[in-house]
Amino acid sequence: MESFEEFDPAWVEELRRVYYDEIDRVDLMVGLYAEPKPEGFGFSDMAFRIFILMASRRLNSDRFFTTDYTSRIYTQAGLDWIDANDMSSVLLRHFPDLLPSLRNVENAFAPWSRVGSR
């Protein structure tokens, strides 16, 4: 952000006050929560960019996804279970009412169907 006006208008005045009208003082997390969200999204563009950049780093540095991703650690049944499931199956196991929204979605991280919309 280069100016306070880029934040959600509901937060501009308070952010200016708290951060002494200096945009460079705004904390990253506070700024992410104060950013406007694109229509239909649950979080801001910058939060998405940071998530994407950090996701591969987290996976590559987690021993349970790298050196210890073995049947010795997980058992073969555990590895088979991991391979047989994805985010959609996890969501549906805990929230079966989501089935209409996820029915034709190949990837739970992609946009979902809107039930009842045309």
PDB file of N, CA and C in Angstrom:
ATOM      1  N   MET A   1       0.836  -1.178   0.000  1.00  0.00           N
ATOM      2  CA  MET A   1       0.000   0.000   0.000  1.00  0.00           C
ATOM      3  C   MET A   1       0.883   1.245   0.000  1.00  0.00           C
ATOM      4  N   GLU A   2       0.453   2.177  -0.801  1.00  0.00           N
ATOM      5  CA  GLU A   2       1.192   3.434  -0.858  1.00  0.00           C
ATOM      6  C   GLU A   2       0.447   4.575  -0.172  1.00  0.00           C
ATOM      7  N   SER A   3      -0.845   4.346   0.107  1.00  0.00           N
ATOM      8  CA  SER A   3      -1.616   5.378   0.809  1.00  0.00           C
ATOM      9  C   SER A   3      -2.722   4.708   1.620  1.00  0.00           C
ATOM     10  N   PHE A   4      -3.199   5.416   2.616  1.00  0.00           N
ATOM     11  CA  PHE A   4      -4.276   4.893   3.455  1.00  0.00           C
ATOM     12  C   PHE A   4      -5.571   4.717   2.656  1.00  0.00           C
ATOM     13  N   GLU A   5      -5.720   5.488   1.590  1.00  0.00           N
ATOM     14  CA  GLU A   5      -6.943   5.418   0.800  1.00  0.00           C
ATOM     15  C   GLU A   5      -7.113   4.080   0.079  1.00  0.00           C
ATOM     16  N   GLU A   6      -6.050   3.283   0.003  1.00  0.00           N
ATOM     17  CA  GLU A   6      -6.144   1.967  -0.630  1.00  0.00           C
ATOM     18  C   GLU A   6      -6.777   0.932   0.297  1.00  0.00           C
ATOM     19  N   PHE A   7      -6.876   1.246   1.588  1.00  0.00           N
ATOM     20  CA  PHE A   7      -7.506   0.338   2.542  1.00  0.00           C
ATOM     21  C   PHE A   7      -9.021   0.433   2.435  1.00  0.00           C
ATOM     22  N   ASP A   8      -9.690  -0.500   3.080  1.00  0.00           N
ATOM     23  CA  ASP A   8     -11.151  -0.464   3.179  1.00  0.00           C
ATOM     24  C   ASP A   8     -11.524   0.876   3.805  1.00  0.00           C
ATOM     25  N   PRO A   9     -12.417   1.636   3.177  1.00  0.00           N
ATOM     26  CA  PRO A   9     -12.777   2.967   3.699  1.00  0.00           C
ATOM     27  C   PRO A   9     -13.241   2.955   5.149  1.00  0.00           C
ATOM     28  N   ALA A  10     -13.791   1.856   5.611  1.00  0.00           N
ATOM     29  CA  ALA A  10     -14.263   1.772   6.992  1.00  0.00           C
ATOM     30  C   ALA A  10     -13.110   1.859   7.993  1.00  0.00           C
ATOM     31  N   TRP A  11     -11.881   1.600   7.549  1.00  0.00           N
ATOM     32  CA  TRP A  11     -10.745   1.545   8.468  1.00  0.00           C
ATOM     33  C   TRP A  11      -9.760   2.706   8.303  1.00  0.00           C
ATOM     34  N   VAL A  12      -9.906   3.503   7.273  1.00  0.00           N
ATOM     35  CA  VAL A  12      -8.902   4.519   6.965  1.00  0.00           C
ATOM     36  C   VAL A  12      -8.658   5.478   8.117  1.00  0.00           C
ATOM     37  N   GLU A  13      -9.703   6.045   8.672  1.00  0.00           N
ATOM     38  CA  GLU A  13      -9.539   7.050   9.733  1.00  0.00           C
ATOM     39  C   GLU A  13      -8.831   6.454  10.954  1.00  0.00           C
ATOM     40  N   GLU A  14      -9.263   5.269  11.369  1.00  0.00           N
ATOM     41  CA  GLU A  14      -8.648   4.652  12.549  1.00  0.00           C
ATOM     42  C   GLU A  14      -7.194   4.264  12.278  1.00  0.00           C
ATOM     43  N   LEU A  15      -6.902   3.737  11.099  1.00  0.00           N
ATOM     44  CA  LEU A  15      -5.520   3.386  10.761  1.00  0.00           C
ATOM     45  C   LEU A  15      -4.629   4.625  10.754  1.00  0.00           C
ATOM     46  N   ARG A  16      -5.126   5.697  10.208  1.00  0.00           N
ATOM     47  CA  ARG A  16      -4.347   6.951  10.219  1.00  0.00           C
ATOM     48  C   ARG A  16      -4.025   7.381  11.651  1.00  0.00           C
ATOM     49  N   ARG A  17      -5.033   7.277  12.532  1.00  0.00           N
ATOM     50  CA  ARG A  17      -4.845   7.685  13.921  1.00  0.00           C
ATOM     51  C   ARG A  17      -3.852   6.776  14.637  1.00  0.00           C
ATOM     52  N   VAL A  18      -4.047   5.483  14.532  1.00  0.00           N
ATOM     53  CA  VAL A  18      -3.211   4.519  15.253  1.00  0.00           C
ATOM     54  C   VAL A  18      -1.762   4.555  14.768  1.00  0.00           C
ATOM     55  N   TYR A  19      -1.587   4.741  13.452  1.00  0.00           N
ATOM     56  CA  TYR A  19      -0.238   4.707  12.882  1.00  0.00           C
ATOM     57  C   TYR A  19       0.301   6.104  12.581  1.00  0.00           C
ATOM     58  N   TYR A  20      -0.235   7.110  13.285  1.00  0.00           N
ATOM     59  CA  TYR A  20       0.266   8.484  13.219  1.00  0.00           C
ATOM     60  C   TYR A  20       0.367   9.001  11.789  1.00  0.00           C
ATOM     61  N   ASP A  21      -0.602   8.600  10.972  1.00  0.00           N
ATOM     62  CA  ASP A  21      -0.690   9.065   9.583  1.00  0.00           C
ATOM     63  C   ASP A  21       0.562   8.705   8.760  1.00  0.00           C
ATOM     64  N   GLU A  22       1.239   7.621   9.139  1.00  0.00           N
ATOM     65  CA  GLU A  22       2.424   7.163   8.407  1.00  0.00           C
ATOM     66  C   GLU A  22       2.172   5.756   7.883  1.00  0.00           C
ATOM     67  N   ILE A  23       1.940   5.655   6.596  1.00  0.00           N
ATOM     68  CA  ILE A  23       1.565   4.391   5.977  1.00  0.00           C
ATOM     69  C   ILE A  23       2.620   3.307   6.199  1.00  0.00           C
ATOM     70  N   ASP A  24       3.888   3.670   6.265  1.00  0.00           N
ATOM     71  CA  ASP A  24       4.953   2.677   6.434  1.00  0.00           C
ATOM     72  C   ASP A  24       4.987   2.055   7.827  1.00  0.00           C
ATOM     73  N   ARG A  25       4.232   2.618   8.753  1.00  0.00           N
ATOM     74  CA  ARG A  25       4.177   2.042  10.099  1.00  0.00           C
ATOM     75  C   ARG A  25       3.125   0.942  10.228  1.00  0.00           C
ATOM     76  N   VAL A  26       2.246   0.810   9.246  1.00  0.00           N
ATOM     77  CA  VAL A  26       1.150  -0.162   9.342  1.00  0.00           C
ATOM     78  C   VAL A  26       1.727  -1.575   9.357  1.00  0.00           C
ATOM     79  N   ASP A  27       1.356  -2.329  10.385  1.00  0.00           N
ATOM     80  CA  ASP A  27       1.783  -3.706  10.541  1.00  0.00           C
ATOM     81  C   ASP A  27       1.224  -4.563   9.402  1.00  0.00           C
ATOM     82  N   LEU A  28       2.002  -5.532   8.971  1.00  0.00           N
ATOM     83  CA  LEU A  28       1.589  -6.380   7.855  1.00  0.00           C
ATOM     84  C   LEU A  28       0.231  -7.018   8.092  1.00  0.00           C
ATOM     85  N   MET A  29       0.043  -7.677   9.221  1.00  0.00           N
ATOM     86  CA  MET A  29      -1.220  -8.379   9.464  1.00  0.00           C
ATOM     87  C   MET A  29      -2.394  -7.415   9.553  1.00  0.00           C
ATOM     88  N   VAL A  30      -2.185  -6.296  10.187  1.00  0.00           N
ATOM     89  CA  VAL A  30      -3.251  -5.299  10.274  1.00  0.00           C
ATOM     90  C   VAL A  30      -3.602  -4.820   8.866  1.00  0.00           C
ATOM     91  N   GLY A  31      -2.577  -4.547   8.065  1.00  0.00           N
ATOM     92  CA  GLY A  31      -2.809  -4.103   6.698  1.00  0.00           C
ATOM     93  C   GLY A  31      -3.549  -5.142   5.867  1.00  0.00           C
ATOM     94  N   LEU A  32      -3.205  -6.419   6.054  1.00  0.00           N
ATOM     95  CA  LEU A  32      -3.881  -7.475   5.303  1.00  0.00           C
ATOM     96  C   LEU A  32      -5.363  -7.535   5.644  1.00  0.00           C
ATOM     97  N   TYR A  33      -5.672  -7.375   6.934  1.00  0.00           N
ATOM     98  CA  TYR A  33      -7.080  -7.419   7.342  1.00  0.00           C
ATOM     99  C   TYR A  33      -7.841  -6.169   6.917  1.00  0.00           C
ATOM    100  N   ALA A  34      -7.152  -5.063   6.732  1.00  0.00           N
ATOM    101  CA  ALA A  34      -7.809  -3.811   6.368  1.00  0.00           C
ATOM    102  C   ALA A  34      -7.922  -3.625   4.855  1.00  0.00           C
ATOM    103  N   GLU A  35      -7.263  -4.476   4.091  1.00  0.00           N
ATOM    104  CA  GLU A  35      -7.349  -4.368   2.630  1.00  0.00           C
ATOM    105  C   GLU A  35      -8.730  -4.766   2.142  1.00  0.00           C
ATOM    106  N   PRO A  36      -9.207  -4.125   1.109  1.00  0.00           N
ATOM    107  CA  PRO A  36     -10.484  -4.569   0.532  1.00  0.00           C
ATOM    108  C   PRO A  36     -10.307  -5.934  -0.129  1.00  0.00           C
ATOM    109  N   LYS A  37     -11.348  -6.740  -0.071  1.00  0.00           N
ATOM    110  CA  LYS A  37     -11.311  -8.068  -0.676  1.00  0.00           C
ATOM    111  C   LYS A  37     -11.945  -7.994  -2.058  1.00  0.00           C
ATOM    112  N   PRO A  38     -11.361  -8.696  -3.033  1.00  0.00           N
ATOM    113  CA  PRO A  38     -12.040  -8.770  -4.335  1.00  0.00           C
ATOM    114  C   PRO A  38     -13.403  -9.436  -4.153  1.00  0.00           C
ATOM    115  N   GLU A  39     -14.367  -9.054  -4.967  1.00  0.00           N
ATOM    116  CA  GLU A  39     -15.717  -9.601  -4.848  1.00  0.00           C
ATOM    117  C   GLU A  39     -15.682 -11.123  -4.924  1.00  0.00           C
ATOM    118  N   GLY A  40     -16.344 -11.763  -3.973  1.00  0.00           N
ATOM    119  CA  GLY A  40     -16.421 -13.213  -3.947  1.00  0.00           C
ATOM    120  C   GLY A  40     -15.261 -13.889  -3.247  1.00  0.00           C
ATOM    121  N   PHE A  41     -14.297 -13.133  -2.739  1.00  0.00           N
ATOM    122  CA  PHE A  41     -13.134 -13.712  -2.079  1.00  0.00           C
ATOM    123  C   PHE A  41     -13.222 -13.513  -0.571  1.00  0.00           C
ATOM    124  N   GLY A  42     -12.596 -14.421   0.165  1.00  0.00           N
ATOM    125  CA  GLY A  42     -12.611 -14.359   1.611  1.00  0.00           C
ATOM    126  C   GLY A  42     -11.436 -13.601   2.191  1.00  0.00           C
ATOM    127  N   PHE A  43     -10.445 -13.277   1.340  1.00  0.00           N
ATOM    128  CA  PHE A  43      -9.288 -12.531   1.829  1.00  0.00           C
ATOM    129  C   PHE A  43      -8.732 -11.680   0.697  1.00  0.00           C
ATOM    130  N   SER A  44      -7.846 -10.769   1.051  1.00  0.00           N
ATOM    131  CA  SER A  44      -7.367  -9.764   0.101  1.00  0.00           C
ATOM    132  C   SER A  44      -6.368 -10.335  -0.898  1.00  0.00           C
ATOM    133  N   ASP A  45      -6.099  -9.567  -1.914  1.00  0.00           N
ATOM    134  CA  ASP A  45      -5.141  -9.949  -2.954  1.00  0.00           C
ATOM    135  C   ASP A  45      -3.746 -10.144  -2.367  1.00  0.00           C
ATOM    136  N   MET A  46      -3.302  -9.222  -1.523  1.00  0.00           N
ATOM    137  CA  MET A  46      -1.960  -9.338  -0.943  1.00  0.00           C
ATOM    138  C   MET A  46      -1.866 -10.559  -0.035  1.00  0.00           C
ATOM    139  N   ALA A  47      -2.894 -10.839   0.741  1.00  0.00           N
ATOM    140  CA  ALA A  47      -2.878 -12.032   1.598  1.00  0.00           C
ATOM    141  C   ALA A  47      -2.752 -13.283   0.737  1.00  0.00           C
ATOM    142  N   PHE A  48      -3.429 -13.311  -0.396  1.00  0.00           N
ATOM    143  CA  PHE A  48      -3.333 -14.451  -1.310  1.00  0.00           C
ATOM    144  C   PHE A  48      -1.918 -14.581  -1.869  1.00  0.00           C
ATOM    145  N   ARG A  49      -1.325 -13.472  -2.269  1.00  0.00           N
ATOM    146  CA  ARG A  49       0.043 -13.513  -2.815  1.00  0.00           C
ATOM    147  C   ARG A  49       1.040 -14.031  -1.779  1.00  0.00           C
ATOM    148  N   ILE A  50       0.909 -13.574  -0.545  1.00  0.00           N
ATOM    149  CA  ILE A  50       1.815 -14.041   0.511  1.00  0.00           C
ATOM    150  C   ILE A  50       1.600 -15.520   0.774  1.00  0.00           C
ATOM    151  N   PHE A  51       0.339 -15.955   0.799  1.00  0.00           N
ATOM    152  CA  PHE A  51       0.043 -17.375   0.993  1.00  0.00           C
ATOM    153  C   PHE A  51       0.706 -18.218  -0.091  1.00  0.00           C
ATOM    154  N   ILE A  52       0.567 -17.826  -1.344  1.00  0.00           N
ATOM    155  CA  ILE A  52       1.139 -18.590  -2.457  1.00  0.00           C
ATOM    156  C   ILE A  52       2.656 -18.648  -2.345  1.00  0.00           C
ATOM    157  N   LEU A  53       3.286 -17.528  -2.036  1.00  0.00           N
ATOM    158  CA  LEU A  53       4.742 -17.506  -1.914  1.00  0.00           C
ATOM    159  C   LEU A  53       5.242 -18.404  -0.779  1.00  0.00           C
ATOM    160  N   MET A  54       4.497 -18.423   0.319  1.00  0.00           N
ATOM    161  CA  MET A  54       4.947 -19.173   1.492  1.00  0.00           C
ATOM    162  C   MET A  54       4.546 -20.648   1.460  1.00  0.00           C
ATOM    163  N   ALA A  55       3.524 -21.008   0.689  1.00  0.00           N
ATOM    164  CA  ALA A  55       3.033 -22.386   0.698  1.00  0.00           C
ATOM    165  C   ALA A  55       4.122 -23.374   0.301  1.00  0.00           C
ATOM    166  N   SER A  56       4.815 -23.122  -0.797  1.00  0.00           N
ATOM    167  CA  SER A  56       5.850 -24.072  -1.215  1.00  0.00           C
ATOM    168  C   SER A  56       6.996 -24.094  -0.213  1.00  0.00           C
ATOM    169  N   ARG A  57       7.307 -22.978   0.372  1.00  0.00           N
ATOM    170  CA  ARG A  57       8.381 -22.941   1.379  1.00  0.00           C
ATOM    171  C   ARG A  57       8.009 -23.786   2.597  1.00  0.00           C
ATOM    172  N   ARG A  58       6.756 -23.664   3.035  1.00  0.00           N
ATOM    173  CA  ARG A  58       6.310 -24.460   4.185  1.00  0.00           C
ATOM    174  C   ARG A  58       6.364 -25.945   3.866  1.00  0.00           C
ATOM    175  N   LEU A  59       5.883 -26.313   2.690  1.00  0.00           N
ATOM    176  CA  LEU A  59       5.881 -27.731   2.319  1.00  0.00           C
ATOM    177  C   LEU A  59       7.293 -28.280   2.172  1.00  0.00           C
ATOM    178  N   ASN A  60       8.171 -27.515   1.550  1.00  0.00           N
ATOM    179  CA  ASN A  60       9.539 -27.990   1.327  1.00  0.00           C
ATOM    180  C   ASN A  60      10.368 -28.064   2.603  1.00  0.00           C
ATOM    181  N   SER A  61       9.964 -27.362   3.636  1.00  0.00           N
ATOM    182  CA  SER A  61      10.746 -27.384   4.877  1.00  0.00           C
ATOM    183  C   SER A  61      10.102 -28.234   5.975  1.00  0.00           C
ATOM    184  N   ASP A  62       8.970 -28.850   5.700  1.00  0.00           N
ATOM    185  CA  ASP A  62       8.284 -29.678   6.686  1.00  0.00           C
ATOM    186  C   ASP A  62       8.717 -31.133   6.514  1.00  0.00           C
ATOM    187  N   ARG A  63       9.392 -31.674   7.513  1.00  0.00           N
ATOM    188  CA  ARG A  63       9.926 -33.030   7.386  1.00  0.00           C
ATOM    189  C   ARG A  63       8.838 -34.074   7.162  1.00  0.00           C
ATOM    190  N   PHE A  64       7.611 -33.786   7.601  1.00  0.00           N
ATOM    191  CA  PHE A  64       6.537 -34.750   7.411  1.00  0.00           C
ATOM    192  C   PHE A  64       6.020 -34.787   5.971  1.00  0.00           C
ATOM    193  N   PHE A  65       6.452 -33.820   5.161  1.00  0.00           N
ATOM    194  CA  PHE A  65       6.142 -33.831   3.726  1.00  0.00           C
ATOM    195  C   PHE A  65       7.371 -34.170   2.894  1.00  0.00           C
ATOM    196  N   THR A  66       8.533 -34.287   3.534  1.00  0.00           N
ATOM    197  CA  THR A  66       9.776 -34.534   2.790  1.00  0.00           C
ATOM    198  C   THR A  66      10.437 -35.811   3.297  1.00  0.00           C
ATOM    199  N   THR A  67      11.459 -35.692   4.104  1.00  0.00           N
ATOM    200  CA  THR A  67      12.260 -36.860   4.500  1.00  0.00           C
ATOM    201  C   THR A  67      11.492 -37.889   5.319  1.00  0.00           C
ATOM    202  N   ASP A  68      10.515 -37.451   6.098  1.00  0.00           N
ATOM    203  CA  ASP A  68       9.756 -38.399   6.918  1.00  0.00           C
ATOM    204  C   ASP A  68       8.400 -38.771   6.327  1.00  0.00           C
ATOM    205  N   TYR A  69       8.192 -38.478   5.057  1.00  0.00           N
ATOM    206  CA  TYR A  69       6.958 -38.888   4.384  1.00  0.00           C
ATOM    207  C   TYR A  69       7.167 -40.325   3.902  1.00  0.00           C
ATOM    208  N   THR A  70       7.170 -41.229   4.859  1.00  0.00           N
ATOM    209  CA  THR A  70       7.465 -42.639   4.586  1.00  0.00           C
ATOM    210  C   THR A  70       6.482 -43.521   5.349  1.00  0.00           C
ATOM    211  N   SER A  71       6.423 -44.787   4.944  1.00  0.00           N
ATOM    212  CA  SER A  71       5.545 -45.731   5.638  1.00  0.00           C
ATOM    213  C   SER A  71       6.070 -46.038   7.044  1.00  0.00           C
ATOM    214  N   ARG A  72       7.347 -45.822   7.283  1.00  0.00           N
ATOM    215  CA  ARG A  72       7.892 -46.011   8.624  1.00  0.00           C
ATOM    216  C   ARG A  72       7.283 -45.001   9.596  1.00  0.00           C
ATOM    217  N   ILE A  73       7.019 -43.800   9.127  1.00  0.00           N
ATOM    218  CA  ILE A  73       6.437 -42.761   9.973  1.00  0.00           C
ATOM    219  C   ILE A  73       4.908 -42.825   9.936  1.00  0.00           C
ATOM    220  N   TYR A  74       4.322 -42.933   8.758  1.00  0.00           N
ATOM    221  CA  TYR A  74       2.875 -42.868   8.596  1.00  0.00           C
ATOM    222  C   TYR A  74       2.183 -44.231   8.550  1.00  0.00           C
ATOM    223  N   THR A  75       2.885 -45.297   8.317  1.00  0.00           N
ATOM    224  CA  THR A  75       2.402 -46.642   7.970  1.00  0.00           C
ATOM    225  C   THR A  75       1.887 -46.598   6.533  1.00  0.00           C
ATOM    226  N   GLN A  76       1.884 -47.739   5.877  1.00  0.00           N
ATOM    227  CA  GLN A  76       1.409 -47.765   4.495  1.00  0.00           C
ATOM    228  C   GLN A  76      -0.081 -47.450   4.428  1.00  0.00           C
ATOM    229  N   ALA A  77      -0.837 -47.902   5.424  1.00  0.00           N
ATOM    230  CA  ALA A  77      -2.272 -47.584   5.452  1.00  0.00           C
ATOM    231  C   ALA A  77      -2.485 -46.065   5.566  1.00  0.00           C
ATOM    232  N   GLY A  78      -1.653 -45.414   6.352  1.00  0.00           N
ATOM    233  CA  GLY A  78      -1.743 -43.959   6.487  1.00  0.00           C
ATOM    234  C   GLY A  78      -1.431 -43.247   5.186  1.00  0.00           C
ATOM    235  N   LEU A  79      -0.376 -43.681   4.495  1.00  0.00           N
ATOM    236  CA  LEU A  79      -0.029 -43.078   3.200  1.00  0.00           C
ATOM    237  C   LEU A  79      -1.132 -43.312   2.174  1.00  0.00           C
ATOM    238  N   ASP A  80      -1.706 -44.510   2.179  1.00  0.00           N
ATOM    239  CA  ASP A  80      -2.808 -44.808   1.257  1.00  0.00           C
ATOM    240  C   ASP A  80      -4.004 -43.915   1.550  1.00  0.00           C
ATOM    241  N   TRP A  81      -4.293 -43.692   2.835  1.00  0.00           N
ATOM    242  CA  TRP A  81      -5.405 -42.831   3.228  1.00  0.00           C
ATOM    243  C   TRP A  81      -5.164 -41.400   2.748  1.00  0.00           C
ATOM    244  N   ILE A  82      -3.934 -40.905   2.922  1.00  0.00           N
ATOM    245  CA  ILE A  82      -3.580 -39.555   2.459  1.00  0.00           C
ATOM    246  C   ILE A  82      -3.788 -39.455   0.949  1.00  0.00           C
ATOM    247  N   ASP A  83      -3.305 -40.473   0.216  1.00  0.00           N
ATOM    248  CA  ASP A  83      -3.436 -40.453  -1.245  1.00  0.00           C
ATOM    249  C   ASP A  83      -4.888 -40.518  -1.709  1.00  0.00           C
ATOM    250  N   ALA A  84      -5.748 -41.162  -0.925  1.00  0.00           N
ATOM    251  CA  ALA A  84      -7.146 -41.342  -1.319  1.00  0.00           C
ATOM    252  C   ALA A  84      -8.028 -40.139  -0.960  1.00  0.00           C
ATOM    253  N   ASN A  85      -7.478 -39.155  -0.257  1.00  0.00           N
ATOM    254  CA  ASN A  85      -8.264 -38.008   0.188  1.00  0.00           C
ATOM    255  C   ASN A  85      -7.696 -36.719  -0.363  1.00  0.00           C
ATOM    256  N   ASP A  86      -8.529 -35.709  -0.392  1.00  0.00           N
ATOM    257  CA  ASP A  86      -8.119 -34.366  -0.775  1.00  0.00           C
ATOM    258  C   ASP A  86      -8.912 -33.374   0.081  1.00  0.00           C
ATOM    259  N   MET A  87      -8.736 -32.095  -0.185  1.00  0.00           N
ATOM    260  CA  MET A  87      -9.411 -31.090   0.639  1.00  0.00           C
ATOM    261  C   MET A  87     -10.928 -31.217   0.548  1.00  0.00           C
ATOM    262  N   SER A  88     -11.445 -31.575  -0.624  1.00  0.00           N
ATOM    263  CA  SER A  88     -12.896 -31.751  -0.761  1.00  0.00           C
ATOM    264  C   SER A  88     -13.399 -32.859   0.154  1.00  0.00           C
ATOM    265  N   SER A  89     -12.697 -33.973   0.199  1.00  0.00           N
ATOM    266  CA  SER A  89     -13.152 -35.082   1.050  1.00  0.00           C
ATOM    267  C   SER A  89     -13.061 -34.709   2.530  1.00  0.00           C
ATOM    268  N   VAL A  90     -12.052 -33.951   2.895  1.00  0.00           N
ATOM    269  CA  VAL A  90     -11.934 -33.500   4.289  1.00  0.00           C
ATOM    270  C   VAL A  90     -13.108 -32.583   4.636  1.00  0.00           C
ATOM    271  N   LEU A  91     -13.388 -31.620   3.764  1.00  0.00           N
ATOM    272  CA  LEU A  91     -14.510 -30.703   4.014  1.00  0.00           C
ATOM    273  C   LEU A  91     -15.831 -31.453   4.100  1.00  0.00           C
ATOM    274  N   LEU A  92     -16.054 -32.373   3.166  1.00  0.00           N
ATOM    275  CA  LEU A  92     -17.325 -33.100   3.144  1.00  0.00           C
ATOM    276  C   LEU A  92     -17.479 -34.046   4.331  1.00  0.00           C
ATOM    277  N   ARG A  93     -16.371 -34.585   4.818  1.00  0.00           N
ATOM    278  CA  ARG A  93     -16.435 -35.455   5.995  1.00  0.00           C
ATOM    279  C   ARG A  93     -16.933 -34.674   7.208  1.00  0.00           C
ATOM    280  N   HIS A  94     -16.506 -33.432   7.321  1.00  0.00           N
ATOM    281  CA  HIS A  94     -16.875 -32.615   8.485  1.00  0.00           C
ATOM    282  C   HIS A  94     -18.091 -31.725   8.247  1.00  0.00           C
ATOM    283  N   PHE A  95     -18.345 -31.392   6.980  1.00  0.00           N
ATOM    284  CA  PHE A  95     -19.455 -30.503   6.629  1.00  0.00           C
ATOM    285  C   PHE A  95     -20.205 -31.077   5.425  1.00  0.00           C
ATOM    286  N   PRO A  96     -20.946 -32.158   5.615  1.00  0.00           N
ATOM    287  CA  PRO A  96     -21.620 -32.810   4.482  1.00  0.00           C
ATOM    288  C   PRO A  96     -22.607 -31.901   3.746  1.00  0.00           C
ATOM    289  N   ASP A  97     -23.085 -30.847   4.386  1.00  0.00           N
ATOM    290  CA  ASP A  97     -24.010 -29.930   3.722  1.00  0.00           C
ATOM    291  C   ASP A  97     -23.346 -29.149   2.579  1.00  0.00           C
ATOM    292  N   LEU A  98     -22.024 -29.227   2.474  1.00  0.00           N
ATOM    293  CA  LEU A  98     -21.329 -28.544   1.385  1.00  0.00           C
ATOM    294  C   LEU A  98     -21.387 -29.312   0.067  1.00  0.00           C
ATOM    295  N   LEU A  99     -21.912 -30.517   0.086  1.00  0.00           N
ATOM    296  CA  LEU A  99     -21.928 -31.343  -1.123  1.00  0.00           C
ATOM    297  C   LEU A  99     -22.492 -30.628  -2.350  1.00  0.00           C
ATOM    298  N   PRO A 100     -23.628 -29.941  -2.262  1.00  0.00           N
ATOM    299  CA  PRO A 100     -24.135 -29.264  -3.469  1.00  0.00           C
ATOM    300  C   PRO A 100     -23.140 -28.242  -4.046  1.00  0.00           C
ATOM    301  N   SER A 101     -22.394 -27.569  -3.199  1.00  0.00           N
ATOM    302  CA  SER A 101     -21.432 -26.570  -3.673  1.00  0.00           C
ATOM    303  C   SER A 101     -20.165 -27.207  -4.235  1.00  0.00           C
ATOM    304  N   LEU A 102     -19.781 -28.367  -3.718  1.00  0.00           N
ATOM    305  CA  LEU A 102     -18.538 -29.016  -4.149  1.00  0.00           C
ATOM    306  C   LEU A 102     -18.749 -30.108  -5.194  1.00  0.00           C
ATOM    307  N   ARG A 103     -19.996 -30.390  -5.540  1.00  0.00           N
ATOM    308  CA  ARG A 103     -20.321 -31.522  -6.419  1.00  0.00           C
ATOM    309  C   ARG A 103     -19.512 -31.521  -7.715  1.00  0.00           C
ATOM    310  N   ASN A 104     -19.419 -30.415  -8.399  1.00  0.00           N
ATOM    311  CA  ASN A 104     -18.726 -30.366  -9.693  1.00  0.00           C
ATOM    312  C   ASN A 104     -17.382 -29.643  -9.628  1.00  0.00           C
ATOM    313  N   VAL A 105     -16.793 -29.588  -8.449  1.00  0.00           N
ATOM    314  CA  VAL A 105     -15.528 -28.897  -8.259  1.00  0.00           C
ATOM    315  C   VAL A 105     -14.409 -29.932  -8.152  1.00  0.00           C
ATOM    316  N   GLU A 106     -13.419 -29.842  -9.037  1.00  0.00           N
ATOM    317  CA  GLU A 106     -12.306 -30.789  -9.008  1.00  0.00           C
ATOM    318  C   GLU A 106     -11.296 -30.458  -7.924  1.00  0.00           C
ATOM    319  N   ASN A 107     -11.213 -29.197  -7.557  1.00  0.00           N
ATOM    320  CA  ASN A 107     -10.228 -28.749  -6.581  1.00  0.00           C
ATOM    321  C   ASN A 107     -10.941 -27.830  -5.586  1.00  0.00           C
ATOM    322  N   ALA A 108     -10.920 -28.188  -4.301  1.00  0.00           N
ATOM    323  CA  ALA A 108     -11.629 -27.400  -3.283  1.00  0.00           C
ATOM    324  C   ALA A 108     -11.074 -25.983  -3.142  1.00  0.00           C
ATOM    325  N   PHE A 109      -9.879 -25.744  -3.668  1.00  0.00           N
ATOM    326  CA  PHE A 109      -9.288 -24.415  -3.594  1.00  0.00           C
ATOM    327  C   PHE A 109      -9.685 -23.553  -4.799  1.00  0.00           C
ATOM    328  N   ALA A 110     -10.398 -24.140  -5.743  1.00  0.00           N
ATOM    329  CA  ALA A 110     -10.933 -23.399  -6.893  1.00  0.00           C
ATOM    330  C   ALA A 110     -12.309 -22.850  -6.496  1.00  0.00           C
ATOM    331  N   PRO A 111     -12.844 -21.922  -7.279  1.00  0.00           N
ATOM    332  CA  PRO A 111     -14.182 -21.404  -6.948  1.00  0.00           C
ATOM    333  C   PRO A 111     -15.226 -22.520  -6.894  1.00  0.00           C
ATOM    334  N   TRP A 112     -16.121 -22.428  -5.941  1.00  0.00           N
ATOM    335  CA  TRP A 112     -17.181 -23.415  -5.769  1.00  0.00           C
ATOM    336  C   TRP A 112     -18.424 -22.983  -6.523  1.00  0.00           C
ATOM    337  N   SER A 113     -19.289 -23.950  -6.772  1.00  0.00           N
ATOM    338  CA  SER A 113     -20.581 -23.648  -7.385  1.00  0.00           C
ATOM    339  C   SER A 113     -21.458 -22.917  -6.375  1.00  0.00           C
ATOM    340  N   ARG A 114     -22.260 -22.007  -6.871  1.00  0.00           N
ATOM    341  CA  ARG A 114     -23.227 -21.330  -6.003  1.00  0.00           C
ATOM    342  C   ARG A 114     -24.526 -22.073  -6.125  1.00  0.00           C
ATOM    343  N   VAL A 115     -24.957 -22.673  -5.053  1.00  0.00           N
ATOM    344  CA  VAL A 115     -26.199 -23.416  -5.041  1.00  0.00           C
ATOM    345  C   VAL A 115     -27.358 -22.462  -5.241  1.00  0.00           C
ATOM    346  N   GLY A 116     -28.206 -22.771  -6.209  1.00  0.00           N
ATOM    347  CA  GLY A 116     -29.371 -21.953  -6.456  1.00  0.00           C
ATOM    348  C   GLY A 116     -29.119 -20.767  -7.358  1.00  0.00           C
ATOM    349  N   SER A 117     -27.842 -20.516  -7.759  1.00  0.00           N
ATOM    350  CA  SER A 117     -27.588 -19.385  -8.655  1.00  0.00           C
ATOM    351  C   SER A 117     -27.697 -19.842 -10.094  1.00  0.00           C
ATOM    352  N   ARG A 118     -27.861 -18.906 -10.959  1.00  0.00           N
ATOM    353  CA  ARG A 118     -27.997 -19.245 -12.387  1.00  0.00           C
ATOM    354  C   ARG A 118     -26.810 -18.786 -13.153  1.00  0.00           C
TER     355      ARG A 118
END
